[in-house]
Amino acid sequence: MKTGRLLKFQRPGGELHAYLFRDDTAHSGVVYLFSNTRESDARPLQSFSAASETEVEAAVRNWLDEHYPRQ
């Protein structure tokens, strides 16, 4: 059974949502951008996979800091 959690980040240009998934054998994540102009424009930006949920979360946070830095 797949379970997960949602992380939200406020950055210039919109709100980013990172969905972290885990099941019995895999850990993955996907980052979506919700623009400030229209929330229906949510689109996947990047996907991740790693051996543990901690590694996926660290990869997501590092990618966001590199591509969508805080101001």
PDB file of N, CA and C in Angstrom:
ATOM      1  N   MET A   1       0.842  -1.177   0.000  1.00  0.00           N
ATOM      2  CA  MET A   1       0.000   0.000   0.000  1.00  0.00           C
ATOM      3  C   MET A   1       0.886   1.239   0.000  1.00  0.00           C
ATOM      4  N   LYS A   2       0.566   2.170  -0.856  1.00  0.00           N
ATOM      5  CA  LYS A   2       1.338   3.396  -0.976  1.00  0.00           C
ATOM      6  C   LYS A   2       0.788   4.436  -0.006  1.00  0.00           C
ATOM      7  N   THR A   3       1.672   5.056   0.758  1.00  0.00           N
ATOM      8  CA  THR A   3       1.294   6.146   1.651  1.00  0.00           C
ATOM      9  C   THR A   3       2.249   7.296   1.419  1.00  0.00           C
ATOM     10  N   GLY A   4       1.978   8.423   2.002  1.00  0.00           N
ATOM     11  CA  GLY A   4       2.882   9.543   1.803  1.00  0.00           C
ATOM     12  C   GLY A   4       2.502  10.740   2.629  1.00  0.00           C
ATOM     13  N   ARG A   5       3.167  11.851   2.303  1.00  0.00           N
ATOM     14  CA  ARG A   5       2.886  13.103   2.988  1.00  0.00           C
ATOM     15  C   ARG A   5       3.155  14.261   2.041  1.00  0.00           C
ATOM     16  N   LEU A   6       2.651  15.410   2.421  1.00  0.00           N
ATOM     17  CA  LEU A   6       2.731  16.602   1.597  1.00  0.00           C
ATOM     18  C   LEU A   6       3.543  17.665   2.310  1.00  0.00           C
ATOM     19  N   LEU A   7       4.505  18.251   1.596  1.00  0.00           N
ATOM     20  CA  LEU A   7       5.276  19.387   2.093  1.00  0.00           C
ATOM     21  C   LEU A   7       4.931  20.582   1.219  1.00  0.00           C
ATOM     22  N   LYS A   8       4.708  21.746   1.825  1.00  0.00           N
ATOM     23  CA  LYS A   8       4.387  22.956   1.074  1.00  0.00           C
ATOM     24  C   LYS A   8       5.462  24.009   1.305  1.00  0.00           C
ATOM     25  N   PHE A   9       5.828  24.705   0.228  1.00  0.00           N
ATOM     26  CA  PHE A   9       6.861  25.727   0.286  1.00  0.00           C
ATOM     27  C   PHE A   9       6.361  26.975  -0.422  1.00  0.00           C
ATOM     28  N   GLN A  10       6.439  28.117   0.235  1.00  0.00           N
ATOM     29  CA  GLN A  10       6.112  29.406  -0.374  1.00  0.00           C
ATOM     30  C   GLN A  10       7.390  29.971  -0.973  1.00  0.00           C
ATOM     31  N   ARG A  11       7.367  30.195  -2.276  1.00  0.00           N
ATOM     32  CA  ARG A  11       8.527  30.759  -2.952  1.00  0.00           C
ATOM     33  C   ARG A  11       8.059  31.815  -3.944  1.00  0.00           C
ATOM     34  N   PRO A  12       8.962  32.697  -4.383  1.00  0.00           N
ATOM     35  CA  PRO A  12       8.586  33.671  -5.407  1.00  0.00           C
ATOM     36  C   PRO A  12       8.050  32.936  -6.635  1.00  0.00           C
ATOM     37  N   GLY A  13       6.951  33.403  -7.164  1.00  0.00           N
ATOM     38  CA  GLY A  13       6.377  32.768  -8.347  1.00  0.00           C
ATOM     39  C   GLY A  13       5.302  31.753  -8.045  1.00  0.00           C
ATOM     40  N   GLY A  14       5.116  31.419  -6.775  1.00  0.00           N
ATOM     41  CA  GLY A  14       4.048  30.485  -6.454  1.00  0.00           C
ATOM     42  C   GLY A  14       4.336  29.608  -5.263  1.00  0.00           C
ATOM     43  N   GLU A  15       3.430  28.673  -5.056  1.00  0.00           N
ATOM     44  CA  GLU A  15       3.560  27.710  -3.973  1.00  0.00           C
ATOM     45  C   GLU A  15       3.978  26.371  -4.565  1.00  0.00           C
ATOM     46  N   LEU A  16       4.974  25.760  -3.952  1.00  0.00           N
ATOM     47  CA  LEU A  16       5.454  24.463  -4.401  1.00  0.00           C
ATOM     48  C   LEU A  16       4.981  23.395  -3.427  1.00  0.00           C
ATOM     49  N   HIS A  17       4.455  22.309  -3.984  1.00  0.00           N
ATOM     50  CA  HIS A  17       4.013  21.171  -3.185  1.00  0.00           C
ATOM     51  C   HIS A  17       4.903  19.987  -3.514  1.00  0.00           C
ATOM     52  N   ALA A  18       5.431  19.362  -2.502  1.00  0.00           N
ATOM     53  CA  ALA A  18       6.233  18.152  -2.683  1.00  0.00           C
ATOM     54  C   ALA A  18       5.474  16.990  -2.056  1.00  0.00           C
ATOM     55  N   TYR A  19       5.116  16.019  -2.878  1.00  0.00           N
ATOM     56  CA  TYR A  19       4.438  14.819  -2.408  1.00  0.00           C
ATOM     57  C   TYR A  19       5.483  13.734  -2.244  1.00  0.00           C
ATOM     58  N   LEU A  20       5.627  13.216  -1.035  1.00  0.00           N
ATOM     59  CA  LEU A  20       6.571  12.137  -0.752  1.00  0.00           C
ATOM     60  C   LEU A  20       5.779  10.845  -0.586  1.00  0.00           C
ATOM     61  N   PHE A  21       6.160   9.835  -1.364  1.00  0.00           N
ATOM     62  CA  PHE A  21       5.456   8.554  -1.339  1.00  0.00           C
ATOM     63  C   PHE A  21       6.366   7.467  -0.801  1.00  0.00           C
ATOM     64  N   ARG A  22       5.767   6.510  -0.129  1.00  0.00           N
ATOM     65  CA  ARG A  22       6.528   5.346   0.322  1.00  0.00           C
ATOM     66  C   ARG A  22       5.614   4.122   0.253  1.00  0.00           C
ATOM     67  N   ASP A  23       6.201   3.018  -0.113  1.00  0.00           N
ATOM     68  CA  ASP A  23       5.499   1.745  -0.026  1.00  0.00           C
ATOM     69  C   ASP A  23       6.488   0.732   0.529  1.00  0.00           C
ATOM     70  N   ASP A  24       6.193  -0.515   0.424  1.00  0.00           N
ATOM     71  CA  ASP A  24       7.035  -1.539   1.057  1.00  0.00           C
ATOM     72  C   ASP A  24       8.460  -1.577   0.509  1.00  0.00           C
ATOM     73  N   THR A  25       8.646  -1.180  -0.745  1.00  0.00           N
ATOM     74  CA  THR A  25       9.967  -1.347  -1.356  1.00  0.00           C
ATOM     75  C   THR A  25      10.585  -0.082  -1.921  1.00  0.00           C
ATOM     76  N   ALA A  26       9.842   1.030  -2.008  1.00  0.00           N
ATOM     77  CA  ALA A  26      10.378   2.205  -2.692  1.00  0.00           C
ATOM     78  C   ALA A  26       9.980   3.500  -2.000  1.00  0.00           C
ATOM     79  N   HIS A  27      10.771   4.526  -2.238  1.00  0.00           N
ATOM     80  CA  HIS A  27      10.512   5.873  -1.739  1.00  0.00           C
ATOM     81  C   HIS A  27      10.683   6.820  -2.918  1.00  0.00           C
ATOM     82  N   SER A  28       9.719   7.702  -3.105  1.00  0.00           N
ATOM     83  CA  SER A  28       9.785   8.636  -4.227  1.00  0.00           C
ATOM     84  C   SER A  28       9.109   9.945  -3.855  1.00  0.00           C
ATOM     85  N   GLY A  29       9.277  10.930  -4.703  1.00  0.00           N
ATOM     86  CA  GLY A  29       8.657  12.227  -4.483  1.00  0.00           C
ATOM     87  C   GLY A  29       8.478  12.966  -5.790  1.00  0.00           C
ATOM     88  N   VAL A  30       7.500  13.865  -5.816  1.00  0.00           N
ATOM     89  CA  VAL A  30       7.229  14.698  -6.984  1.00  0.00           C
ATOM     90  C   VAL A  30       6.970  16.115  -6.484  1.00  0.00           C
ATOM     91  N   VAL A  31       7.532  17.111  -7.194  1.00  0.00           N
ATOM     92  CA  VAL A  31       7.331  18.514  -6.852  1.00  0.00           C
ATOM     93  C   VAL A  31       6.417  19.141  -7.905  1.00  0.00           C
ATOM     94  N   TYR A  32       5.396  19.866  -7.434  1.00  0.00           N
ATOM     95  CA  TYR A  32       4.464  20.582  -8.302  1.00  0.00           C
ATOM     96  C   TYR A  32       4.522  22.061  -7.987  1.00  0.00           C
ATOM     97  N   LEU A  33       4.331  22.897  -9.022  1.00  0.00           N
ATOM     98  CA  LEU A  33       4.254  24.346  -8.862  1.00  0.00           C
ATOM     99  C   LEU A  33       2.812  24.780  -9.053  1.00  0.00           C
ATOM    100  N   PHE A  34       2.295  25.530  -8.092  1.00  0.00           N
ATOM    101  CA  PHE A  34       0.991  26.175  -8.202  1.00  0.00           C
ATOM    102  C   PHE A  34       1.287  27.657  -8.373  1.00  0.00           C
ATOM    103  N   SER A  35       1.018  28.210  -9.548  1.00  0.00           N
ATOM    104  CA  SER A  35       1.387  29.599  -9.827  1.00  0.00           C
ATOM    105  C   SER A  35       0.509  30.562  -9.040  1.00  0.00           C
ATOM    106  N   ASN A  36       1.007  31.772  -8.874  1.00  0.00           N
ATOM    107  CA  ASN A  36       0.244  32.804  -8.170  1.00  0.00           C
ATOM    108  C   ASN A  36      -0.952  33.276  -8.983  1.00  0.00           C
ATOM    109  N   THR A  37      -0.934  33.044 -10.284  1.00  0.00           N
ATOM    110  CA  THR A  37      -2.010  33.547 -11.135  1.00  0.00           C
ATOM    111  C   THR A  37      -3.200  32.604 -11.216  1.00  0.00           C
ATOM    112  N   ARG A  38      -2.957  31.295 -11.354  1.00  0.00           N
ATOM    113  CA  ARG A  38      -4.059  30.329 -11.433  1.00  0.00           C
ATOM    114  C   ARG A  38      -3.635  29.021 -10.794  1.00  0.00           C
ATOM    115  N   GLU A  39      -4.332  28.618  -9.746  1.00  0.00           N
ATOM    116  CA  GLU A  39      -3.965  27.383  -9.052  1.00  0.00           C
ATOM    117  C   GLU A  39      -4.177  26.160  -9.929  1.00  0.00           C
ATOM    118  N   SER A  40      -5.062  26.248 -10.923  1.00  0.00           N
ATOM    119  CA  SER A  40      -5.316  25.099 -11.789  1.00  0.00           C
ATOM    120  C   SER A  40      -4.140  24.804 -12.717  1.00  0.00           C
ATOM    121  N   ASP A  41      -3.128  25.677 -12.719  1.00  0.00           N
ATOM    122  CA  ASP A  41      -1.961  25.474 -13.568  1.00  0.00           C
ATOM    123  C   ASP A  41      -0.901  24.580 -12.917  1.00  0.00           C
ATOM    124  N   ALA A  42      -1.267  23.841 -11.906  1.00  0.00           N
ATOM    125  CA  ALA A  42      -0.295  22.982 -11.227  1.00  0.00           C
ATOM    126  C   ALA A  42       0.305  22.007 -12.239  1.00  0.00           C
ATOM    127  N   ARG A  43       1.620  21.924 -12.217  1.00  0.00           N
ATOM    128  CA  ARG A  43       2.287  21.004 -13.132  1.00  0.00           C
ATOM    129  C   ARG A  43       3.483  20.380 -12.431  1.00  0.00           C
ATOM    130  N   PRO A  44       3.771  19.124 -12.728  1.00  0.00           N
ATOM    131  CA  PRO A  44       4.931  18.498 -12.096  1.00  0.00           C
ATOM    132  C   PRO A  44       6.222  19.115 -12.629  1.00  0.00           C
ATOM    133  N   LEU A  45       7.150  19.362 -11.739  1.00  0.00           N
ATOM    134  CA  LEU A  45       8.434  19.957 -12.117  1.00  0.00           C
ATOM    135  C   LEU A  45       9.572  18.951 -12.097  1.00  0.00           C
ATOM    136  N   GLN A  46       9.583  18.110 -11.075  1.00  0.00           N
ATOM    137  CA  GLN A  46      10.715  17.207 -10.877  1.00  0.00           C
ATOM    138  C   GLN A  46      10.252  16.004 -10.074  1.00  0.00           C
ATOM    139  N   SER A  47      10.840  14.851 -10.350  1.00  0.00           N
ATOM    140  CA  SER A  47      10.552  13.659  -9.545  1.00  0.00           C
ATOM    141  C   SER A  47      11.856  13.124  -8.961  1.00  0.00           C
ATOM    142  N   PHE A  48      11.729  12.403  -7.870  1.00  0.00           N
ATOM    143  CA  PHE A  48      12.878  11.903  -7.116  1.00  0.00           C
ATOM    144  C   PHE A  48      12.617  10.472  -6.676  1.00  0.00           C
ATOM    145  N   SER A  49      13.678   9.727  -6.465  1.00  0.00           N
ATOM    146  CA  SER A  49      13.574   8.419  -5.820  1.00  0.00           C
ATOM    147  C   SER A  49      14.878   8.164  -5.076  1.00  0.00           C
ATOM    148  N   ALA A  50      14.770   7.418  -3.991  1.00  0.00           N
ATOM    149  CA  ALA A  50      15.948   7.117  -3.168  1.00  0.00           C
ATOM    150  C   ALA A  50      15.646   5.907  -2.300  1.00  0.00           C
ATOM    151  N   ALA A  51      16.660   5.470  -1.576  1.00  0.00           N
ATOM    152  CA  ALA A  51      16.536   4.282  -0.739  1.00  0.00           C
ATOM    153  C   ALA A  51      15.711   4.524   0.516  1.00  0.00           C
ATOM    154  N   SER A  52      15.580   5.792   0.944  1.00  0.00           N
ATOM    155  CA  SER A  52      14.821   6.084   2.158  1.00  0.00           C
ATOM    156  C   SER A  52      14.026   7.374   1.987  1.00  0.00           C
ATOM    157  N   GLU A  53      13.017   7.535   2.818  1.00  0.00           N
ATOM    158  CA  GLU A  53      12.210   8.745   2.786  1.00  0.00           C
ATOM    159  C   GLU A  53      13.052   9.972   3.145  1.00  0.00           C
ATOM    160  N   THR A  54      13.964   9.807   4.077  1.00  0.00           N
ATOM    161  CA  THR A  54      14.846  10.893   4.486  1.00  0.00           C
ATOM    162  C   THR A  54      15.687  11.392   3.312  1.00  0.00           C
ATOM    163  N   GLU A  55      16.207  10.464   2.509  1.00  0.00           N
ATOM    164  CA  GLU A  55      17.006  10.844   1.347  1.00  0.00           C
ATOM    165  C   GLU A  55      16.158  11.558   0.295  1.00  0.00           C
ATOM    166  N   VAL A  56      14.930  11.099   0.084  1.00  0.00           N
ATOM    167  CA  VAL A  56      14.034  11.759  -0.875  1.00  0.00           C
ATOM    168  C   VAL A  56      13.737  13.177  -0.407  1.00  0.00           C
ATOM    169  N   GLU A  57      13.406  13.344   0.876  1.00  0.00           N
ATOM    170  CA  GLU A  57      13.103  14.672   1.398  1.00  0.00           C
ATOM    171  C   GLU A  57      14.314  15.598   1.272  1.00  0.00           C
ATOM    172  N   ALA A  58      15.505  15.102   1.566  1.00  0.00           N
ATOM    173  CA  ALA A  58      16.718  15.921   1.438  1.00  0.00           C
ATOM    174  C   ALA A  58      16.942  16.321  -0.019  1.00  0.00           C
ATOM    175  N   ALA A  59      16.719  15.410  -0.954  1.00  0.00           N
ATOM    176  CA  ALA A  59      16.884  15.714  -2.379  1.00  0.00           C
ATOM    177  C   ALA A  59      15.875  16.765  -2.818  1.00  0.00           C
ATOM    178  N   VAL A  60      14.636  16.652  -2.360  1.00  0.00           N
ATOM    179  CA  VAL A  60      13.599  17.633  -2.684  1.00  0.00           C
ATOM    180  C   VAL A  60      13.995  19.009  -2.163  1.00  0.00           C
ATOM    181  N   ARG A  61      14.378  19.080  -0.896  1.00  0.00           N
ATOM    182  CA  ARG A  61      14.738  20.366  -0.302  1.00  0.00           C
ATOM    183  C   ARG A  61      15.964  20.991  -0.991  1.00  0.00           C
ATOM    184  N   ASN A  62      16.955  20.192  -1.333  1.00  0.00           N
ATOM    185  CA  ASN A  62      18.136  20.700  -2.030  1.00  0.00           C
ATOM    186  C   ASN A  62      17.771  21.215  -3.415  1.00  0.00           C
ATOM    187  N   TRP A  63      16.924  20.473  -4.137  1.00  0.00           N
ATOM    188  CA  TRP A  63      16.498  20.889  -5.472  1.00  0.00           C
ATOM    189  C   TRP A  63      15.725  22.203  -5.403  1.00  0.00           C
ATOM    190  N   LEU A  64      14.819  22.314  -4.432  1.00  0.00           N
ATOM    191  CA  LEU A  64      14.043  23.548  -4.285  1.00  0.00           C
ATOM    192  C   LEU A  64      14.942  24.737  -3.965  1.00  0.00           C
ATOM    193  N   ASP A  65      15.889  24.550  -3.066  1.00  0.00           N
ATOM    194  CA  ASP A  65      16.806  25.645  -2.720  1.00  0.00           C
ATOM    195  C   ASP A  65      17.642  26.074  -3.922  1.00  0.00           C
ATOM    196  N   GLU A  66      17.991  25.126  -4.799  1.00  0.00           N
ATOM    197  CA  GLU A  66      18.785  25.444  -5.978  1.00  0.00           C
ATOM    198  C   GLU A  66      17.945  26.120  -7.075  1.00  0.00           C
ATOM    199  N   HIS A  67      16.733  25.610  -7.326  1.00  0.00           N
ATOM    200  CA  HIS A  67      15.926  26.094  -8.438  1.00  0.00           C
ATOM    201  C   HIS A  67      14.888  27.160  -8.048  1.00  0.00           C
ATOM    202  N   TYR A  68      14.479  27.177  -6.803  1.00  0.00           N
ATOM    203  CA  TYR A  68      13.498  28.144  -6.302  1.00  0.00           C
ATOM    204  C   TYR A  68      13.978  28.683  -4.953  1.00  0.00           C
ATOM    205  N   PRO A  69      15.063  29.460  -4.945  1.00  0.00           N
ATOM    206  CA  PRO A  69      15.614  29.935  -3.670  1.00  0.00           C
ATOM    207  C   PRO A  69      14.662  30.879  -2.941  1.00  0.00           C
ATOM    208  N   ARG A  70      14.766  30.861  -1.621  1.00  0.00           N
ATOM    209  CA  ARG A  70      14.004  31.798  -0.798  1.00  0.00           C
ATOM    210  C   ARG A  70      14.550  33.193  -0.979  1.00  0.00           C
ATOM    211  N   GLN A  71      13.704  34.175  -0.785  1.00  0.00           N
ATOM    212  CA  GLN A  71      14.172  35.551  -0.922  1.00  0.00           C
ATOM    213  C   GLN A  71      14.200  36.248   0.399  1.00  0.00           C
TER     214      GLN A  71
END
